[in-house]
Amino acid sequence: MASSFLCFTLLFITIYTADGFMMYTVDRCNFNSTELKDIEFIRSYYYNMMEVVRFDSSVGKYVGFTEFGVKQEEAWNKDQGQLAAMRAQKETYCKQHVDVYSNTALTKSVQPYVRIRSMMPHSSHHPAMLVCSVYDFYPKYIKVSWLRDGQEVSSDVTSTEEMADGDWYYQTHSHLEYTPRSGEKISCVVEHASLKEPLRTDWDPSMPESERNKLAIGASGLILGLILSLAGFIYYKRKARGRILVPTN
């Protein structure tokens, strides 16, 4: 699998509620491989949502960002024992978590769901547009391409970046501008780590999606109308049977 970038974050929060102030620290490990040289350990100290001072293993010492943080930096950087302990965190703390995540989360994959739909052009002078939407895949890296009669399309194609859904899954969308030709076959091809072979989805131009939706809504309305009419007719017949005719003089 291609090299990836992942930030593994553990939060150790210390809260001081007096007058509503809050201080907390965040430890995180940034890495793009399991090699120690590609791992970075960072401990940040925050006060009321503002980072005050930080230890960065790439720098090897504390760095202050506020007036108070600079004072802390100067004091902590004089303590060689504390600096040595913080520098060791990259190996003692980060390395074991990087190995765990690399052998679990980073080796997992989820197959994408593909949907093709058409978009109506704003003007009759513009070509039609197809959209190939790819949903719920993991990991992030994916390739989406178009075929017309088996030949890859190299122009009139625009694609979005892979967008995170916030639940470890991603989505992306590819747009193809085209002028319809009778009898041609257009396909969206997706290549992803979760697939043993490229996933090919063919576009069905028999009826535009908007027309299919209108037809489905119309059919549902017709069926509902027939049911209501039949129910009304049955109710009327039952009421008619129960009537008693009284002759008048």
Protein backbone atom coordinates (compact mmCIF):
# COMPACT_ATOMS: atom_id res chain seq x y z
CA MET A 1 0.00 0.00 0.00
CA ALA A 2 1.21 3.49 -0.73
CA SER A 3 2.81 5.33 2.14
CA SER A 4 0.25 7.17 4.22
CA PHE A 5 0.21 9.99 6.74
CA LEU A 6 -1.64 9.48 9.98
CA CYS A 7 -1.75 11.51 13.15
CA PHE A 8 -2.32 9.39 16.24
CA THR A 9 -3.51 11.56 19.11
CA LEU A 10 -4.03 10.88 22.81
CA LEU A 11 -5.41 13.60 25.01
CA PHE A 12 -4.58 13.87 28.68
CA ILE A 13 -6.79 16.63 30.02
CA THR A 14 -6.30 18.43 33.28
CA ILE A 15 -9.14 20.86 33.95
CA TYR A 16 -9.09 23.75 36.39
CA THR A 17 -12.59 25.12 36.75
CA ALA A 18 -11.81 28.12 38.93
CA ASP A 19 -13.12 31.20 37.12
CA GLY A 20 -13.75 29.06 34.05
CA PHE A 21 -10.09 28.64 33.02
CA MET A 22 -8.87 25.37 31.54
CA MET A 23 -5.43 23.91 30.91
CA TYR A 24 -4.70 20.64 29.11
CA THR A 25 -1.95 18.83 27.22
CA VAL A 26 -2.09 16.90 23.97
CA ASP A 27 0.42 14.20 22.99
CA ARG A 28 0.49 13.18 19.33
CA CYS A 29 2.60 11.02 17.05
CA ASN A 30 2.93 11.97 13.41
CA PHE A 31 4.32 9.33 11.08
CA ASN A 32 4.44 8.18 7.45
CA SER A 33 6.10 4.82 8.07
CA THR A 34 6.97 2.53 10.97
CA GLU A 35 10.63 3.55 10.82
CA LEU A 36 11.74 5.54 13.87
CA LYS A 37 13.25 8.25 11.66
CA ASP A 38 9.80 8.87 10.13
CA ILE A 39 8.08 9.34 13.49
CA GLU A 40 7.60 12.66 15.26
CA PHE A 41 6.48 13.13 18.87
CA ILE A 42 4.82 16.39 19.91
CA ARG A 43 3.50 17.42 23.31
CA SER A 44 1.51 20.66 23.35
CA TYR A 45 0.36 22.61 26.41
CA TYR A 46 -2.84 24.62 25.98
CA TYR A 47 -4.42 27.29 28.14
CA ASN A 48 -7.96 28.39 27.22
CA MET A 49 -7.72 26.91 23.72
CA MET A 50 -4.37 28.64 23.02
CA GLU A 51 -1.14 26.67 22.61
CA VAL A 52 1.34 28.05 25.13
CA VAL A 53 4.41 25.85 24.79
CA ARG A 54 5.36 22.70 22.88
CA PHE A 55 7.97 19.96 22.89
CA ASP A 56 8.79 18.73 19.38
CA SER A 57 11.10 15.73 18.92
CA SER A 58 12.19 17.13 15.54
CA VAL A 59 13.52 20.20 17.34
CA GLY A 60 14.62 18.31 20.46
CA LYS A 61 13.53 20.95 22.95
CA TYR A 62 10.61 23.08 24.14
CA VAL A 63 9.39 26.07 22.14
CA GLY A 64 7.19 28.80 23.66
CA PHE A 65 4.45 30.65 21.79
CA THR A 66 3.31 33.17 24.39
CA GLU A 67 5.09 35.29 26.96
CA PHE A 68 4.32 32.74 29.65
CA GLY A 69 5.27 29.90 27.26
CA VAL A 70 8.68 31.43 26.59
CA LYS A 71 9.37 31.54 30.34
CA GLN A 72 8.39 27.88 30.65
CA GLU A 73 10.56 27.04 27.64
CA GLU A 74 13.62 28.63 29.21
CA ALA A 75 13.11 26.83 32.51
CA TRP A 76 12.31 23.38 31.05
CA ASN A 77 15.12 23.43 28.51
CA LYS A 78 17.62 23.82 31.35
CA ASP A 79 16.46 20.51 32.85
CA GLN A 80 18.51 17.95 30.90
CA GLY A 81 16.82 15.03 32.64
CA GLN A 82 13.37 16.22 31.54
CA LEU A 83 14.61 16.85 27.99
CA ALA A 84 16.08 13.35 27.81
CA ALA A 85 12.79 11.84 28.99
CA MET A 86 10.80 13.80 26.40
CA ARG A 87 13.19 12.89 23.59
CA ALA A 88 12.78 9.22 24.48
CA GLN A 89 8.99 9.43 24.01
CA LYS A 90 9.32 9.01 20.24
CA GLU A 91 10.61 5.49 20.74
CA THR A 92 9.01 4.43 24.04
CA TYR A 93 5.57 5.96 23.44
CA CYS A 94 5.05 6.53 19.70
CA LYS A 95 6.78 3.52 18.18
CA GLN A 96 4.56 0.92 19.86
CA HIS A 97 1.37 2.75 18.87
CA VAL A 98 2.59 3.25 15.30
CA ASP A 99 3.26 -0.49 15.01
CA VAL A 100 -0.22 -1.31 16.34
CA TYR A 101 -1.98 1.07 13.97
CA SER A 102 0.10 0.01 11.00
CA ASN A 103 -0.82 -3.64 11.60
CA THR A 104 -4.52 -2.96 12.19
CA ALA A 105 -6.15 0.21 10.90
CA LEU A 106 -3.77 0.90 8.03
CA THR A 107 -4.06 -2.64 6.61
CA LYS A 108 -7.86 -2.58 6.52
CA SER A 109 -9.82 -1.58 3.44
CA VAL A 110 -13.47 -1.02 2.58
CA GLN A 111 -14.88 -1.37 -0.92
CA PRO A 112 -16.49 1.71 -2.47
CA TYR A 113 -20.08 2.16 -3.56
CA VAL A 114 -20.40 3.70 -7.06
CA ARG A 115 -23.31 5.63 -8.52
CA ILE A 116 -23.58 7.34 -11.92
CA ARG A 117 -26.08 10.09 -12.58
CA SER A 118 -26.65 12.73 -15.23
CA MET A 119 -26.78 16.48 -14.76
CA MET A 120 -28.86 18.73 -17.00
CA PRO A 121 -26.76 21.44 -18.71
CA HIS A 122 -27.69 25.03 -17.91
CA SER A 123 -27.83 25.81 -21.61
CA SER A 124 -28.57 23.77 -24.71
CA HIS A 125 -25.24 25.00 -26.10
CA HIS A 126 -23.33 23.11 -23.39
CA PRO A 127 -22.64 19.37 -23.54
CA ALA A 128 -24.34 16.94 -21.20
CA MET A 129 -22.57 15.91 -17.99
CA LEU A 130 -22.28 12.63 -16.13
CA VAL A 131 -21.23 12.40 -12.50
CA CYS A 132 -19.58 9.28 -11.07
CA SER A 133 -19.91 9.42 -7.28
CA VAL A 134 -17.84 7.03 -5.20
CA TYR A 135 -18.84 6.63 -1.56
CA ASP A 136 -17.78 4.91 1.68
CA PHE A 137 -14.29 3.68 0.79
CA TYR A 138 -11.13 3.29 2.86
CA PRO A 139 -8.21 3.93 2.64
CA LYS A 140 -8.23 7.38 1.07
CA TYR A 141 -6.27 6.81 -2.12
CA ILE A 142 -8.39 5.95 -5.16
CA LYS A 143 -8.40 6.35 -8.95
CA VAL A 144 -11.54 7.16 -10.93
CA SER A 145 -11.52 7.19 -14.74
CA TRP A 146 -14.00 7.14 -17.64
CA LEU A 147 -14.33 4.85 -20.66
CA ARG A 148 -16.21 5.56 -23.89
CA ASP A 149 -16.66 2.40 -25.95
CA GLY A 150 -13.75 0.83 -24.05
CA GLN A 151 -11.33 3.73 -24.58
CA GLU A 152 -10.17 5.83 -21.64
CA VAL A 153 -11.27 9.46 -21.78
CA SER A 154 -8.40 11.89 -21.25
CA SER A 155 -10.22 15.22 -21.70
CA ASP A 156 -13.37 16.94 -20.41
CA VAL A 157 -12.96 15.18 -17.04
CA THR A 158 -12.79 16.95 -13.68
CA SER A 159 -12.62 15.26 -10.28
CA THR A 160 -12.85 16.37 -6.68
CA GLU A 161 -10.31 15.54 -4.01
CA GLU A 162 -11.03 12.62 -1.70
CA MET A 163 -13.31 14.08 0.96
CA ALA A 164 -13.43 12.68 4.49
CA ASP A 165 -16.89 11.80 5.82
CA GLY A 166 -15.71 12.06 9.42
CA ASP A 167 -16.13 8.34 10.11
CA TRP A 168 -12.90 7.04 8.51
CA TYR A 169 -14.67 6.72 5.16
CA TYR A 170 -14.14 8.91 2.09
CA GLN A 171 -16.02 10.01 -1.00
CA THR A 172 -15.06 11.54 -4.33
CA HIS A 173 -16.87 12.68 -7.48
CA SER A 174 -15.74 12.70 -11.11
CA HIS A 175 -17.51 14.73 -13.82
CA LEU A 176 -17.52 13.94 -17.54
CA GLU A 177 -18.72 16.44 -20.14
CA TYR A 178 -19.86 14.66 -23.28
CA THR A 179 -22.02 14.95 -26.36
CA PRO A 180 -24.31 11.90 -26.52
CA ARG A 181 -23.83 9.56 -29.48
CA SER A 182 -26.29 6.85 -30.41
CA GLY A 183 -25.23 3.35 -29.37
CA GLU A 184 -22.11 4.35 -27.43
CA LYS A 185 -21.21 2.84 -24.04
CA ILE A 186 -19.89 5.01 -21.23
CA SER A 187 -18.43 3.52 -18.05
CA CYS A 188 -16.91 4.76 -14.81
CA VAL A 189 -13.91 2.73 -13.63
CA VAL A 190 -12.74 2.74 -10.01
CA GLU A 191 -9.39 1.36 -8.83
CA HIS A 192 -8.86 0.95 -5.10
CA ALA A 193 -6.83 -1.11 -2.63
CA SER A 194 -9.99 -2.94 -1.51
CA LEU A 195 -10.68 -4.25 -5.03
CA LYS A 196 -9.02 -7.28 -6.59
CA GLU A 197 -9.73 -5.79 -10.02
CA PRO A 198 -11.05 -2.42 -11.24
CA LEU A 199 -14.74 -1.86 -10.57
CA ARG A 200 -16.54 -0.90 -13.78
CA THR A 201 -20.00 0.69 -13.68
CA ASP A 202 -21.86 1.31 -16.95
CA TRP A 203 -24.11 4.30 -17.54
CA ASP A 204 -27.69 3.42 -18.51
CA PRO A 205 -28.97 6.22 -20.77
CA SER A 206 -32.39 4.61 -21.32
CA MET A 207 -34.02 7.28 -19.17
CA PRO A 208 -32.55 10.25 -17.33
CA GLU A 209 -32.55 9.88 -13.58
CA SER A 210 -34.84 12.88 -13.12
CA GLU A 211 -37.40 11.32 -15.46
CA ARG A 212 -37.21 7.99 -13.62
CA ASN A 213 -37.85 9.79 -10.34
CA LYS A 214 -40.82 11.67 -11.81
CA LEU A 215 -42.20 8.40 -13.18
CA ALA A 216 -41.85 6.67 -9.82
CA ILE A 217 -43.57 9.54 -8.00
CA GLY A 218 -46.36 9.64 -10.57
CA ALA A 219 -46.92 5.89 -10.35
CA SER A 220 -47.03 6.05 -6.55
CA GLY A 221 -49.59 8.85 -6.70
CA LEU A 222 -51.72 6.93 -9.20
CA ILE A 223 -51.75 3.79 -7.05
CA LEU A 224 -52.62 5.81 -3.94
CA GLY A 225 -55.47 7.51 -5.82
CA LEU A 226 -56.88 4.18 -6.97
CA ILE A 227 -56.76 2.78 -3.44
CA LEU A 228 -58.59 5.80 -2.03
CA SER A 229 -61.19 5.68 -4.81
CA LEU A 230 -61.81 1.97 -4.22
CA ALA A 231 -62.12 2.52 -0.47
CA GLY A 232 -64.64 5.30 -1.07
CA PHE A 233 -66.68 3.16 -3.43
CA ILE A 234 -66.82 0.25 -0.96
CA TYR A 235 -67.85 2.59 1.84
CA TYR A 236 -70.62 4.07 -0.34
CA LYS A 237 -72.00 0.62 -1.27
CA ARG A 238 -72.08 -0.49 2.34
CA LYS A 239 -73.93 2.65 3.40
CA ALA A 240 -76.41 2.20 0.52
CA ARG A 241 -77.27 -1.35 1.62
CA GLY A 242 -78.11 -0.18 5.11
CA ARG A 243 -80.64 2.42 4.02
CA ILE A 244 -84.41 1.77 4.59
CA LEU A 245 -86.77 3.26 2.03
CA VAL A 246 -90.00 4.63 3.58
CA PRO A 247 -92.92 5.16 1.11
CA THR A 248 -94.55 8.57 1.21
CA ASN A 249 -98.19 9.41 0.53
